[in-house]
Amino acid sequence: MSDVETRVKEVVARTLKIDTGIMKPESRFVEDLGAESIQSVELVAAFEEEFDIEMDDEEALDVKTVGKAVEFIAKLL
């Protein structure tokens, strides 16, 4: 597992208060992991802080799965 993937999963687990073990790359934040709309915004902020990056809000909110978040963030790094 890449460093980016590990850190993404830790951020998601912290923000959504869930266990990293239930996450798969295809896990969807809302449908599978139970994120509410406000938590989607919190996730973007948490990713920006964790990775010291700036994410375009519209593009970031189009990222719907754990795997897509890893890809999206890896491209920005």
N, C-alpha and C. Protein backbone atom coordinates (compact mmCIF):
# COMPACT_ATOMS: atom_id res chain seq x y z
N MET A 1 0.85 -1.18 0.00
CA MET A 1 0.00 0.00 0.00
C MET A 1 0.90 1.25 0.00
N SER A 2 0.59 2.20 -0.86
CA SER A 2 1.41 3.40 -0.96
C SER A 2 1.22 4.29 0.26
N ASP A 3 2.18 5.17 0.47
CA ASP A 3 2.10 6.14 1.56
C ASP A 3 0.86 7.02 1.41
N VAL A 4 0.58 7.44 0.17
CA VAL A 4 -0.59 8.29 -0.09
C VAL A 4 -1.85 7.53 0.30
N GLU A 5 -1.96 6.28 -0.12
CA GLU A 5 -3.15 5.48 0.18
C GLU A 5 -3.33 5.32 1.69
N THR A 6 -2.25 5.03 2.39
CA THR A 6 -2.31 4.87 3.85
C THR A 6 -2.81 6.14 4.50
N ARG A 7 -2.25 7.27 4.08
CA ARG A 7 -2.63 8.56 4.68
C ARG A 7 -4.07 8.94 4.33
N VAL A 8 -4.50 8.66 3.09
CA VAL A 8 -5.89 8.93 2.69
C VAL A 8 -6.83 8.14 3.59
N LYS A 9 -6.54 6.85 3.77
CA LYS A 9 -7.40 6.01 4.60
C LYS A 9 -7.45 6.50 6.05
N GLU A 10 -6.31 6.96 6.57
CA GLU A 10 -6.28 7.48 7.94
C GLU A 10 -7.13 8.74 8.08
N VAL A 11 -7.05 9.61 7.08
CA VAL A 11 -7.86 10.85 7.09
C VAL A 11 -9.35 10.51 7.03
N VAL A 12 -9.70 9.59 6.14
CA VAL A 12 -11.10 9.18 6.00
C VAL A 12 -11.60 8.55 7.31
N ALA A 13 -10.79 7.68 7.89
CA ALA A 13 -11.17 7.02 9.14
C ALA A 13 -11.40 8.04 10.25
N ARG A 14 -10.49 9.01 10.36
CA ARG A 14 -10.62 10.06 11.37
C ARG A 14 -11.86 10.91 11.15
N THR A 15 -12.07 11.33 9.91
CA THR A 15 -13.17 12.24 9.59
C THR A 15 -14.53 11.56 9.73
N LEU A 16 -14.63 10.33 9.26
CA LEU A 16 -15.92 9.62 9.28
C LEU A 16 -16.09 8.74 10.52
N LYS A 17 -15.04 8.69 11.35
CA LYS A 17 -15.05 7.86 12.56
C LYS A 17 -15.39 6.41 12.25
N ILE A 18 -14.61 5.85 11.31
CA ILE A 18 -14.77 4.45 10.93
C ILE A 18 -13.40 3.77 10.95
N ASP A 19 -13.39 2.46 10.82
CA ASP A 19 -12.16 1.68 10.83
C ASP A 19 -11.55 1.63 9.42
N THR A 20 -10.23 1.78 9.31
CA THR A 20 -9.58 1.73 8.00
C THR A 20 -9.74 0.36 7.34
N GLY A 21 -9.93 -0.67 8.15
CA GLY A 21 -10.04 -2.03 7.63
C GLY A 21 -11.24 -2.27 6.72
N ILE A 22 -12.28 -1.44 6.85
CA ILE A 22 -13.47 -1.65 6.01
C ILE A 22 -13.36 -0.95 4.66
N MET A 23 -12.29 -0.17 4.46
CA MET A 23 -12.14 0.60 3.22
C MET A 23 -11.44 -0.20 2.14
N LYS A 24 -11.99 -0.12 0.94
CA LYS A 24 -11.39 -0.70 -0.25
C LYS A 24 -11.26 0.44 -1.26
N PRO A 25 -10.42 0.29 -2.28
CA PRO A 25 -10.31 1.37 -3.28
C PRO A 25 -11.66 1.75 -3.90
N GLU A 26 -12.55 0.76 -4.04
CA GLU A 26 -13.85 1.06 -4.67
C GLU A 26 -14.91 1.54 -3.68
N SER A 27 -14.55 1.64 -2.39
CA SER A 27 -15.51 2.11 -1.39
C SER A 27 -15.90 3.55 -1.68
N ARG A 28 -17.23 3.76 -1.78
CA ARG A 28 -17.74 5.11 -2.04
C ARG A 28 -17.96 5.82 -0.70
N PHE A 29 -17.56 7.08 -0.64
CA PHE A 29 -17.64 7.82 0.62
C PHE A 29 -19.06 7.89 1.17
N VAL A 30 -20.02 8.23 0.32
CA VAL A 30 -21.40 8.41 0.79
C VAL A 30 -22.12 7.07 0.92
N GLU A 31 -22.20 6.32 -0.18
CA GLU A 31 -23.00 5.09 -0.20
C GLU A 31 -22.44 3.98 0.68
N ASP A 32 -21.11 3.80 0.66
CA ASP A 32 -20.51 2.67 1.38
C ASP A 32 -19.98 3.02 2.76
N LEU A 33 -19.47 4.24 2.91
CA LEU A 33 -18.83 4.62 4.17
C LEU A 33 -19.68 5.56 5.02
N GLY A 34 -20.84 5.95 4.50
CA GLY A 34 -21.79 6.71 5.30
C GLY A 34 -21.51 8.19 5.47
N ALA A 35 -20.69 8.78 4.59
CA ALA A 35 -20.40 10.21 4.71
C ALA A 35 -21.65 11.02 4.39
N GLU A 36 -21.87 12.06 5.18
CA GLU A 36 -22.96 13.00 4.91
C GLU A 36 -22.36 14.17 4.14
N SER A 37 -23.20 15.00 3.54
CA SER A 37 -22.68 16.05 2.66
C SER A 37 -21.69 16.97 3.37
N ILE A 38 -21.94 17.32 4.61
CA ILE A 38 -21.01 18.19 5.34
C ILE A 38 -19.67 17.48 5.53
N GLN A 39 -19.69 16.17 5.69
CA GLN A 39 -18.45 15.42 5.87
C GLN A 39 -17.63 15.36 4.58
N SER A 40 -18.29 15.47 3.43
CA SER A 40 -17.55 15.51 2.17
C SER A 40 -16.68 16.76 2.13
N VAL A 41 -17.23 17.86 2.59
CA VAL A 41 -16.48 19.12 2.65
C VAL A 41 -15.36 19.00 3.69
N GLU A 42 -15.66 18.38 4.82
CA GLU A 42 -14.65 18.16 5.86
C GLU A 42 -13.51 17.28 5.34
N LEU A 43 -13.84 16.27 4.54
CA LEU A 43 -12.82 15.39 3.97
C LEU A 43 -11.87 16.17 3.07
N VAL A 44 -12.41 17.04 2.22
CA VAL A 44 -11.57 17.85 1.34
C VAL A 44 -10.61 18.69 2.18
N ALA A 45 -11.14 19.35 3.21
CA ALA A 45 -10.30 20.18 4.08
C ALA A 45 -9.23 19.34 4.78
N ALA A 46 -9.61 18.15 5.23
CA ALA A 46 -8.67 17.26 5.93
C ALA A 46 -7.57 16.78 4.99
N PHE A 47 -7.94 16.46 3.74
CA PHE A 47 -6.92 16.05 2.75
C PHE A 47 -5.96 17.20 2.47
N GLU A 48 -6.50 18.41 2.33
CA GLU A 48 -5.65 19.57 2.06
C GLU A 48 -4.65 19.78 3.19
N GLU A 49 -5.13 19.64 4.42
CA GLU A 49 -4.26 19.83 5.58
C GLU A 49 -3.22 18.71 5.68
N GLU A 50 -3.66 17.46 5.53
CA GLU A 50 -2.76 16.31 5.66
C GLU A 50 -1.63 16.35 4.63
N PHE A 51 -1.97 16.71 3.39
CA PHE A 51 -0.99 16.65 2.31
C PHE A 51 -0.41 18.01 1.93
N ASP A 52 -0.86 19.07 2.62
CA ASP A 52 -0.41 20.43 2.35
C ASP A 52 -0.58 20.77 0.86
N ILE A 53 -1.83 20.56 0.39
CA ILE A 53 -2.17 20.82 -1.01
C ILE A 53 -3.40 21.71 -1.07
N GLU A 54 -3.66 22.23 -2.25
CA GLU A 54 -4.86 23.01 -2.52
C GLU A 54 -5.67 22.22 -3.54
N MET A 55 -6.90 21.86 -3.17
CA MET A 55 -7.75 21.08 -4.08
C MET A 55 -8.85 21.98 -4.63
N ASP A 56 -9.11 21.90 -5.91
CA ASP A 56 -10.24 22.60 -6.51
C ASP A 56 -11.51 21.98 -5.94
N ASP A 57 -12.34 22.81 -5.29
CA ASP A 57 -13.52 22.28 -4.59
C ASP A 57 -14.43 21.46 -5.49
N GLU A 58 -14.71 21.98 -6.67
CA GLU A 58 -15.63 21.27 -7.57
C GLU A 58 -15.06 19.91 -7.99
N GLU A 59 -13.78 19.92 -8.41
CA GLU A 59 -13.13 18.66 -8.80
C GLU A 59 -13.06 17.70 -7.63
N ALA A 60 -12.71 18.22 -6.46
CA ALA A 60 -12.55 17.37 -5.28
C ALA A 60 -13.87 16.72 -4.89
N LEU A 61 -14.97 17.44 -5.00
CA LEU A 61 -16.27 16.87 -4.62
C LEU A 61 -16.76 15.85 -5.65
N ASP A 62 -16.13 15.81 -6.83
CA ASP A 62 -16.46 14.79 -7.83
C ASP A 62 -15.75 13.47 -7.53
N VAL A 63 -14.80 13.49 -6.61
CA VAL A 63 -14.08 12.28 -6.22
C VAL A 63 -14.97 11.51 -5.25
N LYS A 64 -15.44 10.34 -5.69
CA LYS A 64 -16.48 9.63 -4.93
C LYS A 64 -15.98 8.38 -4.20
N THR A 65 -14.76 7.91 -4.52
CA THR A 65 -14.28 6.67 -3.90
C THR A 65 -12.90 6.88 -3.26
N VAL A 66 -12.54 5.96 -2.39
CA VAL A 66 -11.24 6.00 -1.74
C VAL A 66 -10.12 5.94 -2.79
N GLY A 67 -10.24 5.02 -3.74
CA GLY A 67 -9.22 4.87 -4.78
C GLY A 67 -9.06 6.12 -5.63
N LYS A 68 -10.19 6.77 -5.97
CA LYS A 68 -10.13 8.00 -6.77
C LYS A 68 -9.48 9.12 -5.96
N ALA A 69 -9.71 9.15 -4.66
CA ALA A 69 -9.08 10.16 -3.80
C ALA A 69 -7.57 9.96 -3.80
N VAL A 70 -7.13 8.72 -3.72
CA VAL A 70 -5.69 8.42 -3.73
C VAL A 70 -5.08 8.89 -5.06
N GLU A 71 -5.73 8.57 -6.19
CA GLU A 71 -5.25 8.98 -7.51
C GLU A 71 -5.20 10.50 -7.62
N PHE A 72 -6.28 11.15 -7.22
CA PHE A 72 -6.41 12.61 -7.32
C PHE A 72 -5.30 13.31 -6.52
N ILE A 73 -5.09 12.85 -5.29
CA ILE A 73 -4.08 13.47 -4.42
C ILE A 73 -2.68 13.17 -4.93
N ALA A 74 -2.44 11.95 -5.38
CA ALA A 74 -1.12 11.58 -5.90
C ALA A 74 -0.73 12.46 -7.07
N LYS A 75 -1.71 12.82 -7.93
CA LYS A 75 -1.44 13.69 -9.07
C LYS A 75 -1.04 15.09 -8.61
N LEU A 76 -1.60 15.55 -7.50
CA LEU A 76 -1.31 16.89 -7.01
C LEU A 76 0.04 16.99 -6.28
N LEU A 77 0.56 15.86 -5.85
CA LEU A 77 1.80 15.88 -5.08
C LEU A 77 3.04 15.95 -5.95
